[in-house]
PDB file of N, CA and C in Angstrom:
ATOM      1  N   MET A   1      91.215 120.871  79.442  1.00  0.00           N
ATOM      2  CA  MET A   1      92.179 120.106  78.674  1.00  0.00           C
ATOM      3  C   MET A   1      93.520 120.121  79.453  1.00  0.00           C
ATOM      4  N   PRO A   2      94.146 118.947  79.610  1.00  0.00           N
ATOM      5  CA  PRO A   2      95.370 118.888  80.357  1.00  0.00           C
ATOM      6  C   PRO A   2      96.523 119.529  79.641  1.00  0.00           C
ATOM      7  N   GLU A   3      97.519 119.958  80.372  1.00  0.00           N
ATOM      8  CA  GLU A   3      98.672 120.547  79.779  1.00  0.00           C
ATOM      9  C   GLU A   3      99.432 119.494  78.954  1.00  0.00           C
ATOM     10  N   ARG A   4     100.028 119.895  77.851  1.00  0.00           N
ATOM     11  CA  ARG A   4     100.808 118.998  77.023  1.00  0.00           C
ATOM     12  C   ARG A   4     102.232 119.500  76.917  1.00  0.00           C
ATOM     13  N   PHE A   5     103.169 118.599  76.864  1.00  0.00           N
ATOM     14  CA  PHE A   5     104.587 118.945  76.822  1.00  0.00           C
ATOM     15  C   PHE A   5     105.242 118.211  75.677  1.00  0.00           C
ATOM     16  N   SER A   6     106.281 118.804  75.094  1.00  0.00           N
ATOM     17  CA  SER A   6     107.015 118.185  74.010  1.00  0.00           C
ATOM     18  C   SER A   6     108.142 117.318  74.614  1.00  0.00           C
ATOM     19  N   SER A   7     108.672 116.436  73.795  1.00  0.00           N
ATOM     20  CA  SER A   7     109.798 115.592  74.253  1.00  0.00           C
ATOM     21  C   SER A   7     110.993 116.411  74.590  1.00  0.00           C
ATOM     22  N   VAL A   8     111.192 117.543  73.896  1.00  0.00           N
ATOM     23  CA  VAL A   8     112.342 118.396  74.201  1.00  0.00           C
ATOM     24  C   VAL A   8     112.174 119.035  75.590  1.00  0.00           C
ATOM     25  N   GLU A   9     110.960 119.498  75.953  1.00  0.00           N
ATOM     26  CA  GLU A   9     110.727 120.059  77.266  1.00  0.00           C
ATOM     27  C   GLU A   9     110.947 119.021  78.347  1.00  0.00           C
ATOM     28  N   VAL A  10     110.472 117.801  78.068  1.00  0.00           N
ATOM     29  CA  VAL A  10     110.624 116.730  79.098  1.00  0.00           C
ATOM     30  C   VAL A  10     112.087 116.373  79.325  1.00  0.00           C
ATOM     31  N   ALA A  11     112.847 116.258  78.208  1.00  0.00           N
ATOM     32  CA  ALA A  11     114.289 115.947  78.335  1.00  0.00           C
ATOM     33  C   ALA A  11     115.010 117.085  79.069  1.00  0.00           C
ATOM     34  N   ARG A  12     114.704 118.308  78.775  1.00  0.00           N
ATOM     35  CA  ARG A  12     115.368 119.417  79.476  1.00  0.00           C
ATOM     36  C   ARG A  12     115.067 119.373  80.969  1.00  0.00           C
ATOM     37  N   ALA A  13     113.816 119.125  81.333  1.00  0.00           N
ATOM     38  CA  ALA A  13     113.434 119.107  82.766  1.00  0.00           C
ATOM     39  C   ALA A  13     114.149 117.943  83.459  1.00  0.00           C
ATOM     40  N   LEU A  14     114.192 116.783  82.809  1.00  0.00           N
ATOM     41  CA  LEU A  14     114.884 115.630  83.408  1.00  0.00           C
ATOM     42  C   LEU A  14     116.354 115.956  83.642  1.00  0.00           C
ATOM     43  N   GLU A  15     117.042 116.593  82.672  1.00  0.00           N
ATOM     44  CA  GLU A  15     118.425 116.915  82.838  1.00  0.00           C
ATOM     45  C   GLU A  15     118.610 117.891  84.023  1.00  0.00           C
ATOM     46  N   ARG A  16     117.658 118.816  84.200  1.00  0.00           N
ATOM     47  CA  ARG A  16     117.727 119.749  85.344  1.00  0.00           C
ATOM     48  C   ARG A  16     117.486 119.086  86.654  1.00  0.00           C
ATOM     49  N   LEU A  17     116.813 117.929  86.583  1.00  0.00           N
ATOM     50  CA  LEU A  17     116.548 117.123  87.827  1.00  0.00           C
ATOM     51  C   LEU A  17     117.670 116.161  88.102  1.00  0.00           C
ATOM     52  N   GLY A  18     118.736 116.175  87.327  1.00  0.00           N
ATOM     53  CA  GLY A  18     119.888 115.330  87.600  1.00  0.00           C
ATOM     54  C   GLY A  18     119.991 114.076  86.711  1.00  0.00           C
ATOM     55  N   PHE A  19     119.126 113.916  85.784  1.00  0.00           N
ATOM     56  CA  PHE A  19     119.195 112.801  84.870  1.00  0.00           C
ATOM     57  C   PHE A  19     120.148 113.160  83.729  1.00  0.00           C
ATOM     58  N   SER A  20     120.777 112.162  83.165  1.00  0.00           N
ATOM     59  CA  SER A  20     121.623 112.420  81.992  1.00  0.00           C
ATOM     60  C   SER A  20     121.291 111.439  80.895  1.00  0.00           C
ATOM     61  N   LYS A  21     121.488 111.853  79.698  1.00  0.00           N
ATOM     62  CA  LYS A  21     121.166 111.008  78.535  1.00  0.00           C
ATOM     63  C   LYS A  21     122.221 109.889  78.462  1.00  0.00           C
ATOM     64  N   LYS A  22     121.762 108.652  78.388  1.00  0.00           N
ATOM     65  CA  LYS A  22     122.686 107.525  78.347  1.00  0.00           C
ATOM     66  C   LYS A  22     122.770 106.920  76.954  1.00  0.00           C
ATOM     67  N   SER A  23     121.626 106.799  76.251  1.00  0.00           N
ATOM     68  CA  SER A  23     121.678 106.203  74.953  1.00  0.00           C
ATOM     69  C   SER A  23     120.387 106.521  74.200  1.00  0.00           C
ATOM     70  N   GLN A  24     120.423 106.262  72.897  1.00  0.00           N
ATOM     71  CA  GLN A  24     119.232 106.441  72.073  1.00  0.00           C
ATOM     72  C   GLN A  24     119.164 105.267  71.114  1.00  0.00           C
ATOM     73  N   ARG A  25     117.982 104.717  71.005  1.00  0.00           N
ATOM     74  CA  ARG A  25     117.797 103.598  70.050  1.00  0.00           C
ATOM     75  C   ARG A  25     116.525 103.957  69.268  1.00  0.00           C
ATOM     76  N   GLY A  26     116.693 104.257  68.016  1.00  0.00           N
ATOM     77  CA  GLY A  26     115.544 104.630  67.199  1.00  0.00           C
ATOM     78  C   GLY A  26     114.990 105.920  67.752  1.00  0.00           C
ATOM     79  N   SER A  27     113.729 105.950  68.012  1.00  0.00           N
ATOM     80  CA  SER A  27     113.028 107.174  68.459  1.00  0.00           C
ATOM     81  C   SER A  27     112.835 107.226  69.947  1.00  0.00           C
ATOM     82  N   HIS A  28     113.637 106.510  70.734  1.00  0.00           N
ATOM     83  CA  HIS A  28     113.499 106.528  72.152  1.00  0.00           C
ATOM     84  C   HIS A  28     114.835 106.861  72.797  1.00  0.00           C
ATOM     85  N   VAL A  29     114.828 107.768  73.755  1.00  0.00           N
ATOM     86  CA  VAL A  29     116.058 108.210  74.452  1.00  0.00           C
ATOM     87  C   VAL A  29     115.993 107.683  75.887  1.00  0.00           C
ATOM     88  N   LYS A  30     117.090 107.158  76.354  1.00  0.00           N
ATOM     89  CA  LYS A  30     117.180 106.581  77.702  1.00  0.00           C
ATOM     90  C   LYS A  30     117.939 107.593  78.584  1.00  0.00           C
ATOM     91  N   PHE A  31     117.347 107.947  79.724  1.00  0.00           N
ATOM     92  CA  PHE A  31     117.938 108.828  80.717  1.00  0.00           C
ATOM     93  C   PHE A  31     118.131 108.028  82.003  1.00  0.00           C
ATOM     94  N   SER A  32     119.234 108.341  82.711  1.00  0.00           N
ATOM     95  CA  SER A  32     119.540 107.696  83.997  1.00  0.00           C
ATOM     96  C   SER A  32     119.954 108.776  84.974  1.00  0.00           C
ATOM     97  N   ASP A  33     119.640 108.515  86.255  1.00  0.00           N
ATOM     98  CA  ASP A  33     120.035 109.455  87.298  1.00  0.00           C
ATOM     99  C   ASP A  33     121.227 108.975  88.115  1.00  0.00           C
ATOM    100  N   GLY A  34     121.834 107.857  87.740  1.00  0.00           N
ATOM    101  CA  GLY A  34     122.982 107.371  88.414  1.00  0.00           C
ATOM    102  C   GLY A  34     122.689 106.478  89.561  1.00  0.00           C
ATOM    103  N   THR A  35     121.462 106.326  89.972  1.00  0.00           N
ATOM    104  CA  THR A  35     121.096 105.455  91.075  1.00  0.00           C
ATOM    105  C   THR A  35     120.401 104.210  90.573  1.00  0.00           C
ATOM    106  N   GLY A  36     120.399 104.024  89.258  1.00  0.00           N
ATOM    107  CA  GLY A  36     119.746 102.860  88.688  1.00  0.00           C
ATOM    108  C   GLY A  36     118.363 103.154  88.145  1.00  0.00           C
ATOM    109  N   ARG A  37     117.893 104.353  88.352  1.00  0.00           N
ATOM    110  CA  ARG A  37     116.587 104.730  87.817  1.00  0.00           C
ATOM    111  C   ARG A  37     116.680 105.106  86.371  1.00  0.00           C
ATOM    112  N   ILE A  38     115.884 104.457  85.487  1.00  0.00           N
ATOM    113  CA  ILE A  38     115.966 104.637  84.047  1.00  0.00           C
ATOM    114  C   ILE A  38     114.614 105.218  83.619  1.00  0.00           C
ATOM    115  N   VAL A  39     114.674 106.243  82.706  1.00  0.00           N
ATOM    116  CA  VAL A  39     113.470 106.848  82.172  1.00  0.00           C
ATOM    117  C   VAL A  39     113.607 106.854  80.666  1.00  0.00           C
ATOM    118  N   ILE A  40     112.606 106.335  79.959  1.00  0.00           N
ATOM    119  CA  ILE A  40     112.570 106.280  78.486  1.00  0.00           C
ATOM    120  C   ILE A  40     111.640 107.379  78.008  1.00  0.00           C
ATOM    121  N   VAL A  41     112.166 108.216  77.060  1.00  0.00           N
ATOM    122  CA  VAL A  41     111.401 109.346  76.500  1.00  0.00           C
ATOM    123  C   VAL A  41     111.388 109.201  74.993  1.00  0.00           C
ATOM    124  N   PRO A  42     110.184 109.229  74.374  1.00  0.00           N
ATOM    125  CA  PRO A  42     110.104 109.255  72.910  1.00  0.00           C
ATOM    126  C   PRO A  42     110.763 110.521  72.423  1.00  0.00           C
ATOM    127  N   ALA A  43     111.588 110.461  71.354  1.00  0.00           N
ATOM    128  CA  ALA A  43     112.231 111.650  70.821  1.00  0.00           C
ATOM    129  C   ALA A  43     111.461 112.278  69.717  1.00  0.00           C
ATOM    130  N   ASN A  44     111.701 113.602  69.535  1.00  0.00           N
ATOM    131  CA  ASN A  44     111.112 114.339  68.424  1.00  0.00           C
ATOM    132  C   ASN A  44     109.612 114.329  68.357  1.00  0.00           C
ATOM    133  N   ARG A  45     108.958 114.498  69.484  1.00  0.00           N
ATOM    134  CA  ARG A  45     107.507 114.638  69.536  1.00  0.00           C
ATOM    135  C   ARG A  45     107.127 115.979  69.932  1.00  0.00           C
ATOM    136  N   LYS A  46     106.249 116.639  69.156  1.00  0.00           N
ATOM    137  CA  LYS A  46     105.820 117.990  69.491  1.00  0.00           C
ATOM    138  C   LYS A  46     104.928 117.935  70.723  1.00  0.00           C
ATOM    139  N   VAL A  47     104.110 116.887  70.827  1.00  0.00           N
ATOM    140  CA  VAL A  47     103.206 116.748  71.973  1.00  0.00           C
ATOM    141  C   VAL A  47     103.239 115.276  72.387  1.00  0.00           C
ATOM    142  N   LEU A  48     103.555 115.046  73.640  1.00  0.00           N
ATOM    143  CA  LEU A  48     103.504 113.697  74.181  1.00  0.00           C
ATOM    144  C   LEU A  48     102.042 113.378  74.633  1.00  0.00           C
ATOM    145  N   PRO A  49     101.582 112.190  74.361  1.00  0.00           N
ATOM    146  CA  PRO A  49     100.255 111.795  74.872  1.00  0.00           C
ATOM    147  C   PRO A  49     100.241 111.858  76.399  1.00  0.00           C
ATOM    148  N   ALA A  50      99.083 112.148  76.936  1.00  0.00           N
ATOM    149  CA  ALA A  50      98.960 112.290  78.415  1.00  0.00           C
ATOM    150  C   ALA A  50      99.406 111.038  79.153  1.00  0.00           C
ATOM    151  N   GLY A  51      99.044 109.892  78.679  1.00  0.00           N
ATOM    152  CA  GLY A  51      99.420 108.647  79.346  1.00  0.00           C
ATOM    153  C   GLY A  51     100.933 108.416  79.307  1.00  0.00           C
ATOM    154  N   THR A  52     101.548 108.749  78.202  1.00  0.00           N
ATOM    155  CA  THR A  52     103.014 108.629  78.069  1.00  0.00           C
ATOM    156  C   THR A  52     103.717 109.548  79.041  1.00  0.00           C
ATOM    157  N   PHE A  53     103.220 110.816  79.125  1.00  0.00           N
ATOM    158  CA  PHE A  53     103.767 111.792  80.015  1.00  0.00           C
ATOM    159  C   PHE A  53     103.659 111.334  81.479  1.00  0.00           C
ATOM    160  N   ARG A  54     102.501 110.788  81.869  1.00  0.00           N
ATOM    161  CA  ARG A  54     102.333 110.282  83.224  1.00  0.00           C
ATOM    162  C   ARG A  54     103.286 109.138  83.522  1.00  0.00           C
ATOM    163  N   SER A  55     103.499 108.264  82.538  1.00  0.00           N
ATOM    164  CA  SER A  55     104.437 107.175  82.697  1.00  0.00           C
ATOM    165  C   SER A  55     105.875 107.672  82.917  1.00  0.00           C
ATOM    166  N   ILE A  56     106.233 108.723  82.185  1.00  0.00           N
ATOM    167  CA  ILE A  56     107.573 109.295  82.356  1.00  0.00           C
ATOM    168  C   ILE A  56     107.732 109.851  83.774  1.00  0.00           C
ATOM    169  N   LEU A  57     106.695 110.561  84.259  1.00  0.00           N
ATOM    170  CA  LEU A  57     106.748 111.075  85.651  1.00  0.00           C
ATOM    171  C   LEU A  57     106.886 109.949  86.670  1.00  0.00           C
ATOM    172  N   ASN A  58     106.144 108.849  86.424  1.00  0.00           N
ATOM    173  CA  ASN A  58     106.241 107.677  87.353  1.00  0.00           C
ATOM    174  C   ASN A  58     107.611 107.065  87.311  1.00  0.00           C
ATOM    175  N   GLN A  59     108.150 106.858  86.096  1.00  0.00           N
ATOM    176  CA  GLN A  59     109.500 106.275  85.959  1.00  0.00           C
ATOM    177  C   GLN A  59     110.536 107.102  86.665  1.00  0.00           C
ATOM    178  N   ALA A  60     110.382 108.436  86.577  1.00  0.00           N
ATOM    179  CA  ALA A  60     111.364 109.357  87.188  1.00  0.00           C
ATOM    180  C   ALA A  60     111.094 109.531  88.672  1.00  0.00           C
ATOM    181  N   GLY A  61     109.936 109.179  89.147  1.00  0.00           N
ATOM    182  CA  GLY A  61     109.619 109.323  90.572  1.00  0.00           C
ATOM    183  C   GLY A  61     109.434 110.757  90.954  1.00  0.00           C
ATOM    184  N   ILE A  62     108.846 111.592  90.053  1.00  0.00           N
ATOM    185  CA  ILE A  62     108.610 112.976  90.387  1.00  0.00           C
ATOM    186  C   ILE A  62     107.148 113.356  90.207  1.00  0.00           C
ATOM    187  N   SER A  63     106.749 114.458  90.837  1.00  0.00           N
ATOM    188  CA  SER A  63     105.402 114.950  90.680  1.00  0.00           C
ATOM    189  C   SER A  63     105.314 115.951  89.539  1.00  0.00           C
ATOM    190  N   LEU A  64     104.084 116.236  89.174  1.00  0.00           N
ATOM    191  CA  LEU A  64     103.879 117.224  88.091  1.00  0.00           C
ATOM    192  C   LEU A  64     104.376 118.587  88.523  1.00  0.00           C
ATOM    193  N   GLU A  65     104.177 118.976  89.793  1.00  0.00           N
ATOM    194  CA  GLU A  65     104.628 120.265  90.297  1.00  0.00           C
ATOM    195  C   GLU A  65     106.177 120.349  90.241  1.00  0.00           C
ATOM    196  N   GLU A  66     106.838 119.265  90.581  1.00  0.00           N
ATOM    197  CA  GLU A  66     108.302 119.232  90.563  1.00  0.00           C
ATOM    198  C   GLU A  66     108.799 119.350  89.121  1.00  0.00           C
ATOM    199  N   PHE A  67     108.134 118.635  88.213  1.00  0.00           N
ATOM    200  CA  PHE A  67     108.445 118.764  86.798  1.00  0.00           C
ATOM    201  C   PHE A  67     108.299 120.148  86.285  1.00  0.00           C
ATOM    202  N   LYS A  68     107.134 120.786  86.581  1.00  0.00           N
ATOM    203  CA  LYS A  68     106.899 122.153  86.119  1.00  0.00           C
ATOM    204  C   LYS A  68     107.932 123.143  86.682  1.00  0.00           C
ATOM    205  N   SER A  69     108.412 122.935  87.875  1.00  0.00           N
ATOM    206  CA  SER A  69     109.371 123.855  88.451  1.00  0.00           C
ATOM    207  C   SER A  69     110.738 123.799  87.717  1.00  0.00           C
ATOM    208  N   LYS A  70     110.958 122.745  86.968  1.00  0.00           N
ATOM    209  CA  LYS A  70     112.272 122.574  86.265  1.00  0.00           C
ATOM    210  C   LYS A  70     112.186 122.931  84.797  1.00  0.00           C
ATOM    211  N   LEU A  71     111.027 123.388  84.311  1.00  0.00           N
ATOM    212  CA  LEU A  71     110.932 123.762  82.913  1.00  0.00           C
ATOM    213  C   LEU A  71     111.723 125.031  82.577  1.00  0.00           C
TER     214      LEU A  71
END
């Protein structure tokens, strides 16, 4: 079974990678790294679906190992 992460863990790791929270609309939070890269994270989820998590990693341009190192 693949590892599962909460939206809080994902947001924390993104902030440690240099992303900052820009806005929130409903249940989605927008993060930006200042270079024009935007990452959308669903808020208040105890467990993100695997496909959603992969999409967040792709949007951020990071690997799973890099993400785990910032938890």
